[in-house]
Amino acid sequence: MIDLKAIDIEGHIFFSALFELPKTTLIYVGNNKGYIMCSTLDIGQLNEKLEDSNVIAGIAVEVKTVDQLLEASLEAITYEAEELGIKKGMIGREALLKMV
């Protein structure tokens, strides 16, 4: 199943996508500047092999819904996200608001 939605966070529109895959779920929330995802994303790859792309991203672990992702603490962030003031441990909702 794929579930795509627009969500409003304090008057800012973000898009969410939830993909139910075999034995896992892929969850994304973001805008045209950056995004947060479940731990399926590999921050190390983004920071090391794609550093020149300046990706703004963060991950949270053990989340199964978009709402859980918005309230979860970020376990890892990209260097570019850190430049925006996003910190490891910040909840997803707060990190997204740094991306507006």
PDB file of N, CA and C in Angstrom:
ATOM      1  N   MET A   1       0.844  -1.177   0.000  1.00  0.00           N
ATOM      2  CA  MET A   1       0.000   0.000   0.000  1.00  0.00           C
ATOM      3  C   MET A   1       0.888   1.239   0.000  1.00  0.00           C
ATOM      4  N   ILE A   2       0.435   2.269  -0.671  1.00  0.00           N
ATOM      5  CA  ILE A   2       1.102   3.564  -0.685  1.00  0.00           C
ATOM      6  C   ILE A   2       0.091   4.609  -0.234  1.00  0.00           C
ATOM      7  N   ASP A   3       0.476   5.438   0.738  1.00  0.00           N
ATOM      8  CA  ASP A   3      -0.400   6.488   1.258  1.00  0.00           C
ATOM      9  C   ASP A   3       0.333   7.821   1.134  1.00  0.00           C
ATOM     10  N   LEU A   4      -0.175   8.705   0.305  1.00  0.00           N
ATOM     11  CA  LEU A   4       0.421  10.026   0.084  1.00  0.00           C
ATOM     12  C   LEU A   4      -0.525  11.094   0.598  1.00  0.00           C
ATOM     13  N   LYS A   5       0.028  12.061   1.371  1.00  0.00           N
ATOM     14  CA  LYS A   5      -0.818  13.121   1.920  1.00  0.00           C
ATOM     15  C   LYS A   5      -0.037  14.425   2.018  1.00  0.00           C
ATOM     16  N   ALA A   6      -0.773  15.523   1.961  1.00  0.00           N
ATOM     17  CA  ALA A   6      -0.229  16.831   2.321  1.00  0.00           C
ATOM     18  C   ALA A   6      -0.580  17.045   3.782  1.00  0.00           C
ATOM     19  N   ILE A   7       0.393  17.512   4.564  1.00  0.00           N
ATOM     20  CA  ILE A   7       0.126  17.772   5.977  1.00  0.00           C
ATOM     21  C   ILE A   7       0.542  19.196   6.327  1.00  0.00           C
ATOM     22  N   ASP A   8      -0.203  19.798   7.224  1.00  0.00           N
ATOM     23  CA  ASP A   8       0.045  21.166   7.660  1.00  0.00           C
ATOM     24  C   ASP A   8       0.713  21.140   9.028  1.00  0.00           C
ATOM     25  N   ILE A   9       1.876  21.770   9.122  1.00  0.00           N
ATOM     26  CA  ILE A   9       2.559  21.915  10.402  1.00  0.00           C
ATOM     27  C   ILE A   9       2.761  23.403  10.633  1.00  0.00           C
ATOM     28  N   GLU A  10       1.972  23.940  11.558  1.00  0.00           N
ATOM     29  CA  GLU A  10       2.027  25.367  11.900  1.00  0.00           C
ATOM     30  C   GLU A  10       1.937  26.276  10.666  1.00  0.00           C
ATOM     31  N   GLY A  11       1.017  25.928   9.757  1.00  0.00           N
ATOM     32  CA  GLY A  11       0.773  26.748   8.574  1.00  0.00           C
ATOM     33  C   GLY A  11       1.709  26.483   7.410  1.00  0.00           C
ATOM     34  N   HIS A  12       2.581  25.509   7.527  1.00  0.00           N
ATOM     35  CA  HIS A  12       3.505  25.147   6.446  1.00  0.00           C
ATOM     36  C   HIS A  12       3.113  23.771   5.919  1.00  0.00           C
ATOM     37  N   ILE A  13       3.060  23.644   4.593  1.00  0.00           N
ATOM     38  CA  ILE A  13       2.643  22.392   3.970  1.00  0.00           C
ATOM     39  C   ILE A  13       3.855  21.515   3.682  1.00  0.00           C
ATOM     40  N   PHE A  14       3.748  20.264   4.124  1.00  0.00           N
ATOM     41  CA  PHE A  14       4.737  19.230   3.847  1.00  0.00           C
ATOM     42  C   PHE A  14       4.007  18.067   3.208  1.00  0.00           C
ATOM     43  N   PHE A  15       4.746  17.192   2.564  1.00  0.00           N
ATOM     44  CA  PHE A  15       4.143  16.012   1.959  1.00  0.00           C
ATOM     45  C   PHE A  15       4.651  14.778   2.672  1.00  0.00           C
ATOM     46  N   SER A  16       3.737  13.854   2.910  1.00  0.00           N
ATOM     47  CA  SER A  16       4.120  12.598   3.561  1.00  0.00           C
ATOM     48  C   SER A  16       3.848  11.449   2.603  1.00  0.00           C
ATOM     49  N   ALA A  17       4.674  10.438   2.727  1.00  0.00           N
ATOM     50  CA  ALA A  17       4.498   9.216   1.943  1.00  0.00           C
ATOM     51  C   ALA A  17       4.784   8.033   2.858  1.00  0.00           C
ATOM     52  N   LEU A  18       3.908   7.065   2.837  1.00  0.00           N
ATOM     53  CA  LEU A  18       4.078   5.841   3.599  1.00  0.00           C
ATOM     54  C   LEU A  18       3.977   4.686   2.610  1.00  0.00           C
ATOM     55  N   PHE A  19       5.032   3.904   2.523  1.00  0.00           N
ATOM     56  CA  PHE A  19       5.079   2.762   1.615  1.00  0.00           C
ATOM     57  C   PHE A  19       5.175   1.498   2.458  1.00  0.00           C
ATOM     58  N   GLU A  20       4.166   0.661   2.393  1.00  0.00           N
ATOM     59  CA  GLU A  20       4.222  -0.625   3.083  1.00  0.00           C
ATOM     60  C   GLU A  20       4.923  -1.611   2.161  1.00  0.00           C
ATOM     61  N   LEU A  21       6.125  -2.002   2.571  1.00  0.00           N
ATOM     62  CA  LEU A  21       6.949  -2.922   1.800  1.00  0.00           C
ATOM     63  C   LEU A  21       6.983  -4.265   2.514  1.00  0.00           C
ATOM     64  N   PRO A  22       7.425  -5.322   1.850  1.00  0.00           N
ATOM     65  CA  PRO A  22       7.533  -6.604   2.543  1.00  0.00           C
ATOM     66  C   PRO A  22       8.448  -6.487   3.764  1.00  0.00           C
ATOM     67  N   LYS A  23       7.931  -6.779   4.931  1.00  0.00           N
ATOM     68  CA  LYS A  23       8.649  -6.820   6.196  1.00  0.00           C
ATOM     69  C   LYS A  23       9.142  -5.477   6.711  1.00  0.00           C
ATOM     70  N   THR A  24       8.763  -4.379   6.075  1.00  0.00           N
ATOM     71  CA  THR A  24       9.148  -3.052   6.569  1.00  0.00           C
ATOM     72  C   THR A  24       8.218  -1.997   6.003  1.00  0.00           C
ATOM     73  N   THR A  25       8.297  -0.814   6.548  1.00  0.00           N
ATOM     74  CA  THR A  25       7.531   0.325   6.060  1.00  0.00           C
ATOM     75  C   THR A  25       8.495   1.486   5.839  1.00  0.00           C
ATOM     76  N   LEU A  26       8.373   2.149   4.718  1.00  0.00           N
ATOM     77  CA  LEU A  26       9.182   3.320   4.398  1.00  0.00           C
ATOM     78  C   LEU A  26       8.310   4.551   4.617  1.00  0.00           C
ATOM     79  N   ILE A  27       8.779   5.483   5.460  1.00  0.00           N
ATOM     80  CA  ILE A  27       7.995   6.666   5.797  1.00  0.00           C
ATOM     81  C   ILE A  27       8.832   7.911   5.522  1.00  0.00           C
ATOM     82  N   TYR A  28       8.236   8.895   4.852  1.00  0.00           N
ATOM     83  CA  TYR A  28       8.903  10.133   4.460  1.00  0.00           C
ATOM     84  C   TYR A  28       7.985  11.309   4.761  1.00  0.00           C
ATOM     85  N   VAL A  29       8.549  12.409   5.268  1.00  0.00           N
ATOM     86  CA  VAL A  29       7.834  13.687   5.360  1.00  0.00           C
ATOM     87  C   VAL A  29       8.829  14.770   4.985  1.00  0.00           C
ATOM     88  N   GLY A  30       8.444  15.658   4.073  1.00  0.00           N
ATOM     89  CA  GLY A  30       9.365  16.715   3.675  1.00  0.00           C
ATOM     90  C   GLY A  30       8.727  17.757   2.793  1.00  0.00           C
ATOM     91  N   ASN A  31       9.602  18.645   2.334  1.00  0.00           N
ATOM     92  CA  ASN A  31       9.197  19.688   1.379  1.00  0.00           C
ATOM     93  C   ASN A  31      10.287  19.788   0.323  1.00  0.00           C
ATOM     94  N   ASN A  32      10.305  20.890  -0.435  1.00  0.00           N
ATOM     95  CA  ASN A  32      11.286  21.011  -1.507  1.00  0.00           C
ATOM     96  C   ASN A  32      12.696  21.331  -0.997  1.00  0.00           C
ATOM     97  N   LYS A  33      12.842  21.542   0.307  1.00  0.00           N
ATOM     98  CA  LYS A  33      14.152  21.867   0.879  1.00  0.00           C
ATOM     99  C   LYS A  33      14.823  20.654   1.530  1.00  0.00           C
ATOM    100  N   GLY A  34      14.044  19.807   2.202  1.00  0.00           N
ATOM    101  CA  GLY A  34      14.617  18.661   2.898  1.00  0.00           C
ATOM    102  C   GLY A  34      13.544  17.712   3.382  1.00  0.00           C
ATOM    103  N   TYR A  35      13.963  16.709   4.165  1.00  0.00           N
ATOM    104  CA  TYR A  35      13.008  15.695   4.601  1.00  0.00           C
ATOM    105  C   TYR A  35      13.517  14.945   5.819  1.00  0.00           C
ATOM    106  N   ILE A  36      12.577  14.247   6.463  1.00  0.00           N
ATOM    107  CA  ILE A  36      12.892  13.275   7.491  1.00  0.00           C
ATOM    108  C   ILE A  36      12.293  11.949   7.050  1.00  0.00           C
ATOM    109  N   MET A  37      12.916  10.866   7.515  1.00  0.00           N
ATOM    110  CA  MET A  37      12.452   9.537   7.130  1.00  0.00           C
ATOM    111  C   MET A  37      12.646   8.565   8.276  1.00  0.00           C
ATOM    112  N   CYS A  38      12.087   7.383   8.084  1.00  0.00           N
ATOM    113  CA  CYS A  38      12.355   6.290   9.007  1.00  0.00           C
ATOM    114  C   CYS A  38      13.792   5.821   8.781  1.00  0.00           C
ATOM    115  N   SER A  39      14.251   4.900   9.570  1.00  0.00           N
ATOM    116  CA  SER A  39      15.658   4.499   9.525  1.00  0.00           C
ATOM    117  C   SER A  39      16.062   3.723   8.281  1.00  0.00           C
ATOM    118  N   THR A  40      15.178   3.565   7.319  1.00  0.00           N
ATOM    119  CA  THR A  40      15.543   2.932   6.061  1.00  0.00           C
ATOM    120  C   THR A  40      16.568   3.777   5.312  1.00  0.00           C
ATOM    121  N   LEU A  41      16.595   5.066   5.582  1.00  0.00           N
ATOM    122  CA  LEU A  41      17.539   5.988   4.954  1.00  0.00           C
ATOM    123  C   LEU A  41      18.924   5.804   5.560  1.00  0.00           C
ATOM    124  N   ASP A  42      19.965   5.864   4.744  1.00  0.00           N
ATOM    125  CA  ASP A  42      21.346   5.721   5.209  1.00  0.00           C
ATOM    126  C   ASP A  42      22.029   7.090   5.234  1.00  0.00           C
ATOM    127  N   ILE A  43      22.064   7.710   6.411  1.00  0.00           N
ATOM    128  CA  ILE A  43      22.670   9.030   6.567  1.00  0.00           C
ATOM    129  C   ILE A  43      24.156   9.003   6.204  1.00  0.00           C
ATOM    130  N   GLY A  44      24.842   7.922   6.553  1.00  0.00           N
ATOM    131  CA  GLY A  44      26.266   7.802   6.226  1.00  0.00           C
ATOM    132  C   GLY A  44      26.521   7.944   4.735  1.00  0.00           C
ATOM    133  N   GLN A  45      25.701   7.324   3.928  1.00  0.00           N
ATOM    134  CA  GLN A  45      25.837   7.441   2.468  1.00  0.00           C
ATOM    135  C   GLN A  45      25.634   8.882   2.013  1.00  0.00           C
ATOM    136  N   LEU A  46      24.626   9.539   2.592  1.00  0.00           N
ATOM    137  CA  LEU A  46      24.355  10.921   2.197  1.00  0.00           C
ATOM    138  C   LEU A  46      25.499  11.844   2.602  1.00  0.00           C
ATOM    139  N   ASN A  47      26.055  11.631   3.793  1.00  0.00           N
ATOM    140  CA  ASN A  47      27.136  12.491   4.279  1.00  0.00           C
ATOM    141  C   ASN A  47      28.465  12.209   3.587  1.00  0.00           C
ATOM    142  N   GLU A  48      28.729  10.969   3.254  1.00  0.00           N
ATOM    143  CA  GLU A  48      30.034  10.610   2.728  1.00  0.00           C
ATOM    144  C   GLU A  48      30.071  10.542   1.207  1.00  0.00           C
ATOM    145  N   LYS A  49      29.191   9.776   0.616  1.00  0.00           N
ATOM    146  CA  LYS A  49      29.263   9.565  -0.829  1.00  0.00           C
ATOM    147  C   LYS A  49      28.502  10.608  -1.635  1.00  0.00           C
ATOM    148  N   LEU A  50      27.519  11.253  -1.000  1.00  0.00           N
ATOM    149  CA  LEU A  50      26.730  12.260  -1.712  1.00  0.00           C
ATOM    150  C   LEU A  50      26.862  13.631  -1.059  1.00  0.00           C
ATOM    151  N   GLU A  51      27.964  13.872  -0.374  1.00  0.00           N
ATOM    152  CA  GLU A  51      28.157  15.131   0.356  1.00  0.00           C
ATOM    153  C   GLU A  51      27.999  16.347  -0.553  1.00  0.00           C
ATOM    154  N   ASP A  52      28.456  16.263  -1.784  1.00  0.00           N
ATOM    155  CA  ASP A  52      28.355  17.389  -2.717  1.00  0.00           C
ATOM    156  C   ASP A  52      26.912  17.727  -3.080  1.00  0.00           C
ATOM    157  N   SER A  53      25.987  16.824  -2.806  1.00  0.00           N
ATOM    158  CA  SER A  53      24.576  17.071  -3.108  1.00  0.00           C
ATOM    159  C   SER A  53      23.913  17.960  -2.069  1.00  0.00           C
ATOM    160  N   ASN A  54      24.562  18.154  -0.900  1.00  0.00           N
ATOM    161  CA  ASN A  54      24.027  19.016   0.162  1.00  0.00           C
ATOM    162  C   ASN A  54      22.613  18.640   0.577  1.00  0.00           C
ATOM    163  N   VAL A  55      22.373  17.354   0.778  1.00  0.00           N
ATOM    164  CA  VAL A  55      21.056  16.853   1.163  1.00  0.00           C
ATOM    165  C   VAL A  55      20.757  17.239   2.609  1.00  0.00           C
ATOM    166  N   ILE A  56      19.577  17.779   2.836  1.00  0.00           N
ATOM    167  CA  ILE A  56      19.094  18.097   4.179  1.00  0.00           C
ATOM    168  C   ILE A  56      18.149  16.977   4.580  1.00  0.00           C
ATOM    169  N   ALA A  57      18.572  16.145   5.556  1.00  0.00           N
ATOM    170  CA  ALA A  57      17.764  14.989   5.922  1.00  0.00           C
ATOM    171  C   ALA A  57      18.066  14.540   7.346  1.00  0.00           C
ATOM    172  N   GLY A  58      17.100  13.833   7.925  1.00  0.00           N
ATOM    173  CA  GLY A  58      17.261  13.220   9.238  1.00  0.00           C
ATOM    174  C   GLY A  58      16.474  11.936   9.298  1.00  0.00           C
ATOM    175  N   ILE A  59      16.869  11.046  10.229  1.00  0.00           N
ATOM    176  CA  ILE A  59      16.149   9.777  10.375  1.00  0.00           C
ATOM    177  C   ILE A  59      15.710   9.560  11.818  1.00  0.00           C
ATOM    178  N   ALA A  60      14.641   8.822  11.955  1.00  0.00           N
ATOM    179  CA  ALA A  60      14.155   8.366  13.251  1.00  0.00           C
ATOM    180  C   ALA A  60      13.985   6.853  13.157  1.00  0.00           C
ATOM    181  N   VAL A  61      14.175   6.171  14.272  1.00  0.00           N
ATOM    182  CA  VAL A  61      14.057   4.706  14.266  1.00  0.00           C
ATOM    183  C   VAL A  61      12.799   4.259  14.995  1.00  0.00           C
ATOM    184  N   GLU A  62      12.396   3.047  14.672  1.00  0.00           N
ATOM    185  CA  GLU A  62      11.247   2.396  15.301  1.00  0.00           C
ATOM    186  C   GLU A  62       9.955   3.197  15.180  1.00  0.00           C
ATOM    187  N   VAL A  63       9.726   3.770  14.010  1.00  0.00           N
ATOM    188  CA  VAL A  63       8.462   4.459  13.741  1.00  0.00           C
ATOM    189  C   VAL A  63       7.698   3.673  12.681  1.00  0.00           C
ATOM    190  N   LYS A  64       6.394   3.646  12.825  1.00  0.00           N
ATOM    191  CA  LYS A  64       5.561   2.883  11.894  1.00  0.00           C
ATOM    192  C   LYS A  64       4.480   3.726  11.238  1.00  0.00           C
ATOM    193  N   THR A  65       4.347   4.991  11.665  1.00  0.00           N
ATOM    194  CA  THR A  65       3.346   5.879  11.083  1.00  0.00           C
ATOM    195  C   THR A  65       3.948   7.265  10.885  1.00  0.00           C
ATOM    196  N   VAL A  66       3.297   8.067  10.081  1.00  0.00           N
ATOM    197  CA  VAL A  66       3.730   9.449   9.871  1.00  0.00           C
ATOM    198  C   VAL A  66       3.668  10.214  11.187  1.00  0.00           C
ATOM    199  N   ASP A  67       2.601  10.037  11.959  1.00  0.00           N
ATOM    200  CA  ASP A  67       2.487  10.735  13.250  1.00  0.00           C
ATOM    201  C   ASP A  67       3.631  10.373  14.186  1.00  0.00           C
ATOM    202  N   GLN A  68       4.017   9.108  14.220  1.00  0.00           N
ATOM    203  CA  GLN A  68       5.149   8.704  15.052  1.00  0.00           C
ATOM    204  C   GLN A  68       6.442   9.358  14.568  1.00  0.00           C
ATOM    205  N   LEU A  69       6.624   9.458  13.266  1.00  0.00           N
ATOM    206  CA  LEU A  69       7.817  10.098  12.706  1.00  0.00           C
ATOM    207  C   LEU A  69       7.883  11.569  13.114  1.00  0.00           C
ATOM    208  N   LEU A  70       6.744  12.248  13.090  1.00  0.00           N
ATOM    209  CA  LEU A  70       6.707  13.668  13.456  1.00  0.00           C
ATOM    210  C   LEU A  70       7.063  13.885  14.925  1.00  0.00           C
ATOM    211  N   GLU A  71       6.779  12.916  15.780  1.00  0.00           N
ATOM    212  CA  GLU A  71       7.017  13.064  17.218  1.00  0.00           C
ATOM    213  C   GLU A  71       8.295  12.373  17.704  1.00  0.00           C
ATOM    214  N   ALA A  72       8.949  11.624  16.844  1.00  0.00           N
ATOM    215  CA  ALA A  72      10.148  10.879  17.233  1.00  0.00           C
ATOM    216  C   ALA A  72      11.382  11.770  17.242  1.00  0.00           C
ATOM    217  N   SER A  73      12.326  11.418  18.097  1.00  0.00           N
ATOM    218  CA  SER A  73      13.627  12.095  18.126  1.00  0.00           C
ATOM    219  C   SER A  73      14.461  11.610  16.948  1.00  0.00           C
ATOM    220  N   LEU A  74      15.136  12.522  16.293  1.00  0.00           N
ATOM    221  CA  LEU A  74      15.993  12.137  15.182  1.00  0.00           C
ATOM    222  C   LEU A  74      17.266  11.489  15.714  1.00  0.00           C
ATOM    223  N   GLU A  75      17.592  10.337  15.157  1.00  0.00           N
ATOM    224  CA  GLU A  75      18.767   9.578  15.574  1.00  0.00           C
ATOM    225  C   GLU A  75      20.019  10.008  14.823  1.00  0.00           C
ATOM    226  N   ALA A  76      19.851  10.500  13.610  1.00  0.00           N
ATOM    227  CA  ALA A  76      20.981  10.930  12.792  1.00  0.00           C
ATOM    228  C   ALA A  76      20.499  12.008  11.830  1.00  0.00           C
ATOM    229  N   ILE A  77      21.411  12.914  11.490  1.00  0.00           N
ATOM    230  CA  ILE A  77      21.096  13.995  10.551  1.00  0.00           C
ATOM    231  C   ILE A  77      22.276  14.181   9.604  1.00  0.00           C
ATOM    232  N   THR A  78      22.012  14.791   8.472  1.00  0.00           N
ATOM    233  CA  THR A  78      23.098  15.090   7.542  1.00  0.00           C
ATOM    234  C   THR A  78      23.835  16.347   7.989  1.00  0.00           C
ATOM    235  N   TYR A  79      25.029  16.511   7.457  1.00  0.00           N
ATOM    236  CA  TYR A  79      25.814  17.713   7.760  1.00  0.00           C
ATOM    237  C   TYR A  79      25.049  18.977   7.364  1.00  0.00           C
ATOM    238  N   GLU A  80      24.380  18.926   6.234  1.00  0.00           N
ATOM    239  CA  GLU A  80      23.633  20.084   5.741  1.00  0.00           C
ATOM    240  C   GLU A  80      22.457  20.416   6.658  1.00  0.00           C
ATOM    241  N   ALA A  81      21.800  19.405   7.226  1.00  0.00           N
ATOM    242  CA  ALA A  81      20.717  19.629   8.179  1.00  0.00           C
ATOM    243  C   ALA A  81      21.258  20.325   9.429  1.00  0.00           C
ATOM    244  N   GLU A  82      22.432  19.900   9.862  1.00  0.00           N
ATOM    245  CA  GLU A  82      23.064  20.517  11.030  1.00  0.00           C
ATOM    246  C   GLU A  82      23.349  21.998  10.779  1.00  0.00           C
ATOM    247  N   GLU A  83      23.705  22.340   9.555  1.00  0.00           N
ATOM    248  CA  GLU A  83      23.955  23.743   9.182  1.00  0.00           C
ATOM    249  C   GLU A  83      22.697  24.595   9.338  1.00  0.00           C
ATOM    250  N   LEU A  84      21.523  23.985   9.204  1.00  0.00           N
ATOM    251  CA  LEU A  84      20.242  24.694   9.362  1.00  0.00           C
ATOM    252  C   LEU A  84      19.820  24.826  10.818  1.00  0.00           C
ATOM    253  N   GLY A  85      20.563  24.207  11.729  1.00  0.00           N
ATOM    254  CA  GLY A  85      20.199  24.248  13.138  1.00  0.00           C
ATOM    255  C   GLY A  85      19.441  23.020  13.606  1.00  0.00           C
ATOM    256  N   ILE A  86      19.324  22.023  12.749  1.00  0.00           N
ATOM    257  CA  ILE A  86      18.694  20.762  13.136  1.00  0.00           C
ATOM    258  C   ILE A  86      19.722  19.967  13.940  1.00  0.00           C
ATOM    259  N   LYS A  87      19.288  19.422  15.057  1.00  0.00           N
ATOM    260  CA  LYS A  87      20.187  18.699  15.957  1.00  0.00           C
ATOM    261  C   LYS A  87      19.738  17.249  16.130  1.00  0.00           C
ATOM    262  N   LYS A  88      20.695  16.378  16.339  1.00  0.00           N
ATOM    263  CA  LYS A  88      20.382  15.001  16.706  1.00  0.00           C
ATOM    264  C   LYS A  88      19.586  15.055  18.009  1.00  0.00           C
ATOM    265  N   GLY A  89      18.500  14.288  18.087  1.00  0.00           N
ATOM    266  CA  GLY A  89      17.636  14.288  19.258  1.00  0.00           C
ATOM    267  C   GLY A  89      16.433  15.210  19.132  1.00  0.00           C
ATOM    268  N   MET A  90      16.455  16.139  18.181  1.00  0.00           N
ATOM    269  CA  MET A  90      15.313  17.041  17.928  1.00  0.00           C
ATOM    270  C   MET A  90      14.154  16.205  17.398  1.00  0.00           C
ATOM    271  N   ILE A  91      12.931  16.534  17.777  1.00  0.00           N
ATOM    272  CA  ILE A  91      11.807  15.769  17.239  1.00  0.00           C
ATOM    273  C   ILE A  91      11.563  16.157  15.775  1.00  0.00           C
ATOM    274  N   GLY A  92      10.982  15.225  15.049  1.00  0.00           N
ATOM    275  CA  GLY A  92      10.773  15.397  13.614  1.00  0.00           C
ATOM    276  C   GLY A  92      10.042  16.671  13.243  1.00  0.00           C
ATOM    277  N   ARG A  93       8.983  16.978  13.950  1.00  0.00           N
ATOM    278  CA  ARG A  93       8.180  18.173  13.675  1.00  0.00           C
ATOM    279  C   ARG A  93       9.034  19.443  13.769  1.00  0.00           C
ATOM    280  N   GLU A  94       9.873  19.528  14.804  1.00  0.00           N
ATOM    281  CA  GLU A  94      10.742  20.706  14.986  1.00  0.00           C
ATOM    282  C   GLU A  94      11.772  20.792  13.869  1.00  0.00           C
ATOM    283  N   ALA A  95      12.316  19.662  13.472  1.00  0.00           N
ATOM    284  CA  ALA A  95      13.306  19.641  12.394  1.00  0.00           C
ATOM    285  C   ALA A  95      12.681  20.124  11.079  1.00  0.00           C
ATOM    286  N   LEU A  96      11.466  19.673  10.788  1.00  0.00           N
ATOM    287  CA  LEU A  96      10.803  20.103   9.562  1.00  0.00           C
ATOM    288  C   LEU A  96      10.589  21.611   9.542  1.00  0.00           C
ATOM    289  N   LEU A  97      10.247  22.183  10.675  1.00  0.00           N
ATOM    290  CA  LEU A  97      10.032  23.626  10.720  1.00  0.00           C
ATOM    291  C   LEU A  97      11.317  24.410  10.474  1.00  0.00           C
ATOM    292  N   LYS A  98      12.460  23.799  10.698  1.00  0.00           N
ATOM    293  CA  LYS A  98      13.750  24.451  10.364  1.00  0.00           C
ATOM    294  C   LYS A  98      13.974  24.458   8.856  1.00  0.00           C
ATOM    295  N   MET A  99      13.196  23.674   8.129  1.00  0.00           N
ATOM    296  CA  MET A  99      13.366  23.538   6.670  1.00  0.00           C
ATOM    297  C   MET A  99      12.483  24.505   5.884  1.00  0.00           C
ATOM    298  N   VAL A 100      11.767  25.369   6.552  1.00  0.00           N
ATOM    299  CA  VAL A 100      10.908  26.323   5.819  1.00  0.00           C
ATOM    300  C   VAL A 100      11.634  27.631   5.583  1.00  0.00           C
TER     301      VAL A 100
END
